[in-house]
Amino acid sequence: MLNPQLNKHGELQHLLTIEGLPKSIINHILDTASSFVGISDRDVKKVPLMRGKSVFNLFFENSTRTRTTFEIASKRLSADVINLNIQASSTSKGESLLDTIDNLSAMHADMFVVRHAQSGAPYLIAKHLIDTRQPHVHVVNAGDGRHAHPTQGLLDMYTIRHYKQDFTNLTVAIVGDILHSRVARSDIHALTTLGVPEVRAIGPHTLLPGGLEQMGVRTFTNMEEGLKGVDVIIMLRLQNERMSGALLPSAQEYFKSYGLTPERLALAKPDAIVMHPGPMNRGVEIDSAVADGPQAVILPQVTFGIAVRMAVMSILAGTQA
């Protein structure tokens, strides 16, 4: 099975990538997230939809926002959350990834939230669970290598829908290190599936991967040209930890050509919104005046991320609102 995300009834079994995900499922996740947004404003920020379920967070890469928001989302659904300390786990003693999964499954895990440096690791786990006949255990990809970051892509879509309502008349620009960005790939698949007529990728030649045109994306190496008339700007950080070799002269030179300044933002539509998946590098890809300005929706993205991750987990657990 090449894509084990859906069960035989076409329902979401695992969330591994947005690529190939039907528009109806994406909209179902976004609609479900809408029902969870208000929970953050309650005195008691909990619903009992996953009471008695065990969610294991397996983060083999560093993370702040993603791990924390998954943990908050799980707890707000009343699930039991176990954060595995990878550095102190048996994987550091040579245990294989699948042996770790088997041992945790024997502890009656219901869901694994997995971040891994290797592309395809969540697929491997999902396939193993299918092969070992454990359909009750679900996998959520919290980012794998350069491949995908589906919940970030979904929360970005939720943010865009919240501020712009209709995807079918938008021009969206994704700016920066697209070559190494799993967020960019997830966003591009989501945007095209949801009917955005024009998706642009802006960056230096060295950070624009091949094949973007085949995905329906217009590429620009000139920042000013690429930002003209856009409705949404998604800024990406330079992923120095994934770079091999000198792809850029310096961070300062990068900011001169591709940093989002108030002057460059003025080239977009007056009501354009500015997004960033975090962590931000101020003075490298974005000016503080823009990051803290009225068009930035970067902190609402984080807030919406909790509701979107609640939606994904509740749908997977079969207990959606």
Protein backbone atom coordinates (compact mmCIF):
# COMPACT_ATOMS: atom_id res chain seq x y z
CA MET A 1 0.00 0.00 0.00
CA LEU A 2 1.66 3.22 -1.18
CA ASN A 3 -0.52 5.62 0.77
CA PRO A 4 -1.90 4.11 3.95
CA GLN A 5 -3.56 7.36 5.08
CA LEU A 6 -7.09 6.27 4.23
CA ASN A 7 -8.89 3.11 5.24
CA LYS A 8 -10.99 1.03 2.83
CA HIS A 9 -13.97 3.32 3.46
CA GLY A 10 -11.98 6.41 2.42
CA GLU A 11 -11.77 7.68 6.01
CA LEU A 12 -8.64 9.17 7.57
CA GLN A 13 -6.63 6.43 9.27
CA HIS A 14 -3.30 8.27 9.61
CA LEU A 15 -2.22 11.81 8.73
CA LEU A 16 1.08 11.48 6.90
CA THR A 17 0.98 14.10 4.13
CA ILE A 18 -1.40 16.53 2.47
CA GLU A 19 -0.34 15.25 -0.94
CA GLY A 20 -3.16 13.13 -2.33
CA LEU A 21 -5.53 14.03 0.51
CA PRO A 22 -9.05 14.64 -0.87
CA LYS A 23 -10.38 18.20 -0.68
CA SER A 24 -13.37 16.91 1.29
CA ILE A 25 -11.13 15.58 4.08
CA ILE A 26 -9.11 18.82 4.24
CA ASN A 27 -12.33 20.83 4.54
CA HIS A 28 -13.67 18.40 7.16
CA ILE A 29 -10.55 18.96 9.27
CA LEU A 30 -10.82 22.75 8.90
CA ASP A 31 -14.54 22.71 9.74
CA THR A 32 -13.91 20.52 12.80
CA ALA A 33 -11.14 22.87 13.92
CA SER A 34 -13.62 25.77 13.82
CA SER A 35 -15.68 24.02 16.48
CA PHE A 36 -12.61 23.76 18.74
CA VAL A 37 -11.30 27.34 18.46
CA GLY A 38 -13.67 28.66 21.14
CA ILE A 39 -12.52 26.09 23.70
CA SER A 40 -9.42 28.22 24.34
CA ASP A 41 -11.64 30.99 25.68
CA ARG A 42 -13.48 28.83 28.22
CA ASP A 43 -12.70 28.69 31.93
CA VAL A 44 -12.40 24.90 31.61
CA LYS A 45 -10.43 24.31 28.41
CA LYS A 46 -11.32 20.63 28.01
CA VAL A 47 -13.70 18.34 26.14
CA PRO A 48 -13.96 14.60 26.85
CA LEU A 49 -13.59 13.35 23.26
CA MET A 50 -10.38 11.36 23.85
CA ARG A 51 -10.78 10.46 27.51
CA GLY A 52 -9.03 7.16 28.17
CA LYS A 53 -6.90 7.39 24.98
CA SER A 54 -3.09 7.41 25.16
CA VAL A 55 -1.13 9.73 22.85
CA PHE A 56 2.64 9.19 22.58
CA ASN A 57 4.70 12.16 21.35
CA LEU A 58 7.83 10.79 19.64
CA PHE A 59 10.00 13.75 18.68
CA PHE A 60 13.32 12.60 17.25
CA GLU A 61 14.04 16.24 16.26
CA ASN A 62 13.96 19.41 18.34
CA SER A 63 10.67 21.25 18.46
CA THR A 64 8.99 23.90 20.58
CA ARG A 65 5.72 24.98 18.95
CA THR A 66 4.73 21.72 17.33
CA ARG A 67 5.40 19.47 20.34
CA THR A 68 3.83 21.92 22.78
CA THR A 69 0.71 22.50 20.70
CA PHE A 70 0.24 18.75 20.18
CA GLU A 71 0.55 18.24 23.92
CA ILE A 72 -1.94 21.04 24.66
CA ALA A 73 -4.33 19.72 21.98
CA SER A 74 -4.18 16.18 23.43
CA LYS A 75 -4.83 17.41 26.95
CA ARG A 76 -7.73 19.59 25.84
CA LEU A 77 -9.27 16.46 24.31
CA SER A 78 -8.75 14.77 27.73
CA ALA A 79 -6.23 12.24 26.39
CA ASP A 80 -3.35 10.86 28.43
CA VAL A 81 -0.13 12.30 26.98
CA ILE A 82 3.25 10.62 27.15
CA ASN A 83 6.27 12.59 25.92
CA LEU A 84 9.04 10.13 25.15
CA ASN A 85 12.49 11.45 26.01
CA ILE A 86 14.30 10.21 22.91
CA GLN A 87 17.78 10.96 24.30
CA ALA A 88 17.03 8.75 27.31
CA SER A 89 15.02 6.12 25.43
CA SER A 90 16.12 2.71 24.20
CA THR A 91 16.61 4.08 20.67
CA SER A 92 19.76 5.73 22.04
CA LYS A 93 20.89 2.20 23.00
CA GLY A 94 20.44 0.84 19.50
CA GLU A 95 16.79 -0.22 19.53
CA SER A 96 15.20 0.09 16.10
CA LEU A 97 12.37 2.52 15.43
CA LEU A 98 9.85 -0.28 14.81
CA ASP A 99 10.91 -2.16 17.95
CA THR A 100 10.27 1.03 19.90
CA ILE A 101 6.83 1.29 18.29
CA ASP A 102 6.04 -2.36 19.12
CA ASN A 103 7.00 -1.86 22.76
CA LEU A 104 4.89 1.29 23.06
CA SER A 105 1.99 -0.44 21.30
CA ALA A 106 2.21 -3.15 23.94
CA MET A 107 1.59 -0.37 26.47
CA HIS A 108 -1.76 0.21 24.69
CA ALA A 109 -0.86 3.32 22.72
CA ASP A 110 -3.74 4.73 20.69
CA MET A 111 -1.84 7.36 18.73
CA PHE A 112 1.74 8.25 17.82
CA VAL A 113 2.70 11.83 16.98
CA VAL A 114 6.03 11.49 15.19
CA ARG A 115 8.69 14.00 14.18
CA HIS A 116 11.77 12.52 12.55
CA ALA A 117 14.79 13.76 10.59
CA GLN A 118 14.34 10.98 8.02
CA SER A 119 11.74 11.51 5.33
CA GLY A 120 9.27 8.65 5.34
CA ALA A 121 9.66 7.59 8.98
CA PRO A 122 5.94 8.13 9.80
CA TYR A 123 5.02 6.12 6.66
CA LEU A 124 7.22 3.28 7.87
CA ILE A 125 5.44 3.27 11.24
CA ALA A 126 1.96 3.45 9.67
CA LYS A 127 2.74 0.59 7.29
CA HIS A 128 4.12 -1.48 10.16
CA LEU A 129 0.92 -0.94 12.16
CA ILE A 130 -1.14 -2.07 9.16
CA ASP A 131 1.10 -5.09 8.55
CA THR A 132 0.86 -6.10 12.23
CA ARG A 133 -2.93 -5.65 12.22
CA GLN A 134 -3.17 -2.74 14.61
CA PRO A 135 -5.79 -0.54 12.86
CA HIS A 136 -6.80 1.03 16.16
CA VAL A 137 -3.42 2.79 16.47
CA HIS A 138 -3.02 6.01 14.47
CA VAL A 139 0.01 7.98 13.30
CA VAL A 140 0.27 11.75 12.90
CA ASN A 141 3.27 13.10 11.01
CA ALA A 142 4.62 16.11 12.93
CA GLY A 143 7.33 16.67 10.31
CA ASP A 144 9.61 14.21 8.52
CA GLY A 145 12.88 15.39 6.97
CA ARG A 146 12.28 17.62 3.97
CA HIS A 147 9.15 15.72 3.04
CA ALA A 148 6.00 16.95 4.79
CA HIS A 149 4.54 18.78 7.77
CA PRO A 150 0.81 18.23 7.25
CA THR A 151 -0.58 19.78 10.44
CA GLN A 152 1.42 22.97 9.79
CA GLY A 153 0.01 23.02 6.26
CA LEU A 154 -3.50 22.55 7.64
CA LEU A 155 -3.17 25.29 10.25
CA ASP A 156 -1.84 27.58 7.53
CA MET A 157 -4.94 26.81 5.46
CA TYR A 158 -7.15 27.45 8.48
CA THR A 159 -5.44 30.82 9.01
CA ILE A 160 -5.88 31.80 5.36
CA ARG A 161 -9.53 30.74 5.38
CA HIS A 162 -10.13 32.66 8.62
CA TYR A 163 -8.85 35.93 7.17
CA LYS A 164 -9.67 35.52 3.45
CA GLN A 165 -12.70 33.13 3.46
CA ASP A 166 -12.45 32.08 -0.20
CA PHE A 167 -9.39 30.28 -1.59
CA THR A 168 -10.49 30.51 -5.23
CA ASN A 169 -9.54 34.15 -5.84
CA LEU A 170 -6.21 34.35 -4.01
CA THR A 171 -2.58 34.78 -5.01
CA VAL A 172 -0.28 33.25 -2.39
CA ALA A 173 3.50 33.75 -2.24
CA ILE A 174 5.81 31.40 -0.35
CA VAL A 175 9.17 33.06 0.24
CA GLY A 176 12.56 31.74 1.26
CA ASP A 177 14.24 28.38 1.73
CA ILE A 178 11.78 26.26 -0.22
CA LEU A 179 14.40 23.64 -1.09
CA HIS A 180 14.67 22.39 2.50
CA SER A 181 11.13 23.22 3.65
CA ARG A 182 8.62 20.48 4.43
CA VAL A 183 6.16 23.28 5.30
CA ALA A 184 6.40 24.69 1.77
CA ARG A 185 5.63 21.29 0.24
CA SER A 186 2.62 20.77 2.49
CA ASP A 187 1.35 24.30 1.85
CA ILE A 188 1.70 23.94 -1.92
CA HIS A 189 -0.25 20.67 -1.98
CA ALA A 190 -2.97 22.14 0.27
CA LEU A 191 -3.28 25.40 -1.66
CA THR A 192 -3.58 23.71 -5.05
CA THR A 193 -6.08 21.13 -3.70
CA LEU A 194 -8.24 23.91 -2.24
CA GLY A 195 -8.34 25.73 -5.57
CA VAL A 196 -5.92 28.66 -5.14
CA PRO A 197 -5.43 29.88 -8.73
CA GLU A 198 -1.89 31.22 -8.30
CA VAL A 199 0.81 29.96 -5.96
CA ARG A 200 4.21 31.66 -6.20
CA ALA A 201 7.59 30.53 -4.88
CA ILE A 202 10.14 33.29 -4.30
CA GLY A 203 13.78 32.73 -3.46
CA PRO A 204 17.33 32.48 -4.81
CA HIS A 205 17.99 29.83 -7.46
CA THR A 206 19.97 27.78 -4.93
CA LEU A 207 16.93 27.47 -2.63
CA LEU A 208 14.27 26.74 -5.27
CA PRO A 209 13.92 22.99 -5.93
CA GLY A 210 13.26 21.61 -9.39
CA GLY A 211 9.76 20.49 -10.27
CA LEU A 212 7.86 23.43 -8.78
CA GLU A 213 6.34 24.33 -12.15
CA GLN A 214 5.00 20.78 -12.46
CA MET A 215 3.24 21.34 -9.12
CA GLY A 216 1.50 24.38 -10.61
CA VAL A 217 3.77 26.95 -8.93
CA ARG A 218 5.18 30.13 -10.52
CA THR A 219 8.78 30.74 -9.49
CA PHE A 220 10.45 34.12 -8.96
CA THR A 221 14.03 34.96 -8.04
CA ASN A 222 13.19 38.68 -7.77
CA MET A 223 11.42 39.42 -4.48
CA GLU A 224 9.81 42.65 -5.63
CA GLU A 225 8.43 41.07 -8.79
CA GLY A 226 7.08 38.06 -6.92
CA LEU A 227 5.26 40.07 -4.24
CA LYS A 228 3.29 42.31 -6.60
CA GLY A 229 -0.43 42.04 -5.92
CA VAL A 230 -0.35 39.00 -3.60
CA ASP A 231 -3.01 38.35 -0.96
CA VAL A 232 -0.99 36.09 1.35
CA ILE A 233 2.75 35.98 2.09
CA ILE A 234 4.16 32.90 3.82
CA MET A 235 7.73 33.54 4.98
CA LEU A 236 10.11 30.66 5.64
CA ARG A 237 13.26 30.63 7.72
CA LEU A 238 16.65 29.57 6.39
CA GLN A 239 17.08 25.96 7.50
CA ASN A 240 20.80 26.06 8.14
CA GLU A 241 20.67 22.67 9.91
CA ARG A 242 19.61 21.01 6.63
CA MET A 243 21.97 22.88 4.32
CA SER A 244 25.08 21.23 2.98
CA GLY A 245 27.58 23.51 1.31
CA ALA A 246 27.44 27.28 0.83
CA LEU A 247 24.06 27.99 -0.75
CA LEU A 248 24.05 31.67 0.34
CA PRO A 249 26.80 34.28 0.75
CA SER A 250 25.55 35.43 4.19
CA ALA A 251 22.40 36.05 6.24
CA GLN A 252 22.88 39.80 5.75
CA GLU A 253 23.05 39.46 1.98
CA TYR A 254 19.98 37.24 2.06
CA PHE A 255 18.02 39.89 3.97
CA LYS A 256 19.01 42.53 1.42
CA SER A 257 17.48 40.52 -1.40
CA TYR A 258 14.74 38.44 0.27
CA GLY A 259 13.95 39.91 3.69
CA LEU A 260 10.35 41.05 4.07
CA THR A 261 10.54 44.77 4.85
CA PRO A 262 7.68 47.29 5.08
CA GLU A 263 8.70 48.60 1.66
CA ARG A 264 8.43 45.17 0.06
CA LEU A 265 5.20 44.39 1.89
CA ALA A 266 3.72 47.53 0.32
CA LEU A 267 3.99 45.81 -3.09
CA ALA A 268 1.38 43.25 -2.01
CA LYS A 269 -2.32 44.05 -1.77
CA PRO A 270 -3.19 46.52 1.02
CA ASP A 271 -5.05 43.83 2.97
CA ALA A 272 -2.40 41.13 2.46
CA ILE A 273 -1.60 38.97 5.48
CA VAL A 274 1.88 37.86 6.53
CA MET A 275 2.43 34.35 7.91
CA HIS A 276 5.42 32.43 9.28
CA PRO A 277 5.55 28.85 10.61
CA GLY A 278 8.23 29.79 13.15
CA PRO A 279 10.76 30.03 14.55
CA MET A 280 11.34 33.47 13.06
CA ASN A 281 14.79 34.89 12.41
CA ARG A 282 14.28 38.63 12.67
CA GLY A 283 16.59 40.58 10.42
CA VAL A 284 17.22 37.53 8.23
CA GLU A 285 13.93 36.68 6.50
CA ILE A 286 11.63 39.24 8.12
CA ASP A 287 11.92 42.75 9.50
CA SER A 288 10.64 43.31 13.04
CA ALA A 289 8.42 46.13 11.79
CA VAL A 290 6.57 43.58 9.62
CA ALA A 291 6.62 40.72 12.13
CA ASP A 292 5.04 42.96 14.79
CA GLY A 293 2.90 44.93 12.35
CA PRO A 294 -0.87 44.92 11.77
CA GLN A 295 -0.72 42.63 8.72
CA ALA A 296 1.15 39.84 10.54
CA VAL A 297 -0.99 36.91 11.70
CA ILE A 298 1.90 34.85 13.04
CA LEU A 299 0.66 34.51 16.62
CA PRO A 300 -2.92 33.66 15.57
CA GLN A 301 -1.37 30.84 13.52
CA VAL A 302 -0.02 29.34 16.74
CA THR A 303 -3.41 29.63 18.44
CA PHE A 304 -5.22 28.08 15.46
CA GLY A 305 -2.63 25.29 15.45
CA ILE A 306 -4.03 23.92 18.71
CA ALA A 307 -7.56 23.71 17.29
CA VAL A 308 -6.34 22.14 14.03
CA ARG A 309 -4.35 19.49 15.89
CA MET A 310 -7.36 18.80 18.13
CA ALA A 311 -9.41 18.32 14.97
CA VAL A 312 -6.92 15.91 13.39
CA MET A 313 -6.58 13.78 16.53
CA SER A 314 -10.31 13.66 17.27
CA ILE A 315 -11.12 12.67 13.67
CA LEU A 316 -8.45 9.95 13.71
CA ALA A 317 -9.73 8.65 17.01
CA GLY A 318 -13.22 8.46 15.50
CA THR A 319 -14.63 10.87 18.06
CA GLN A 320 -14.94 14.07 16.07
CA ALA A 321 -17.43 16.62 17.31
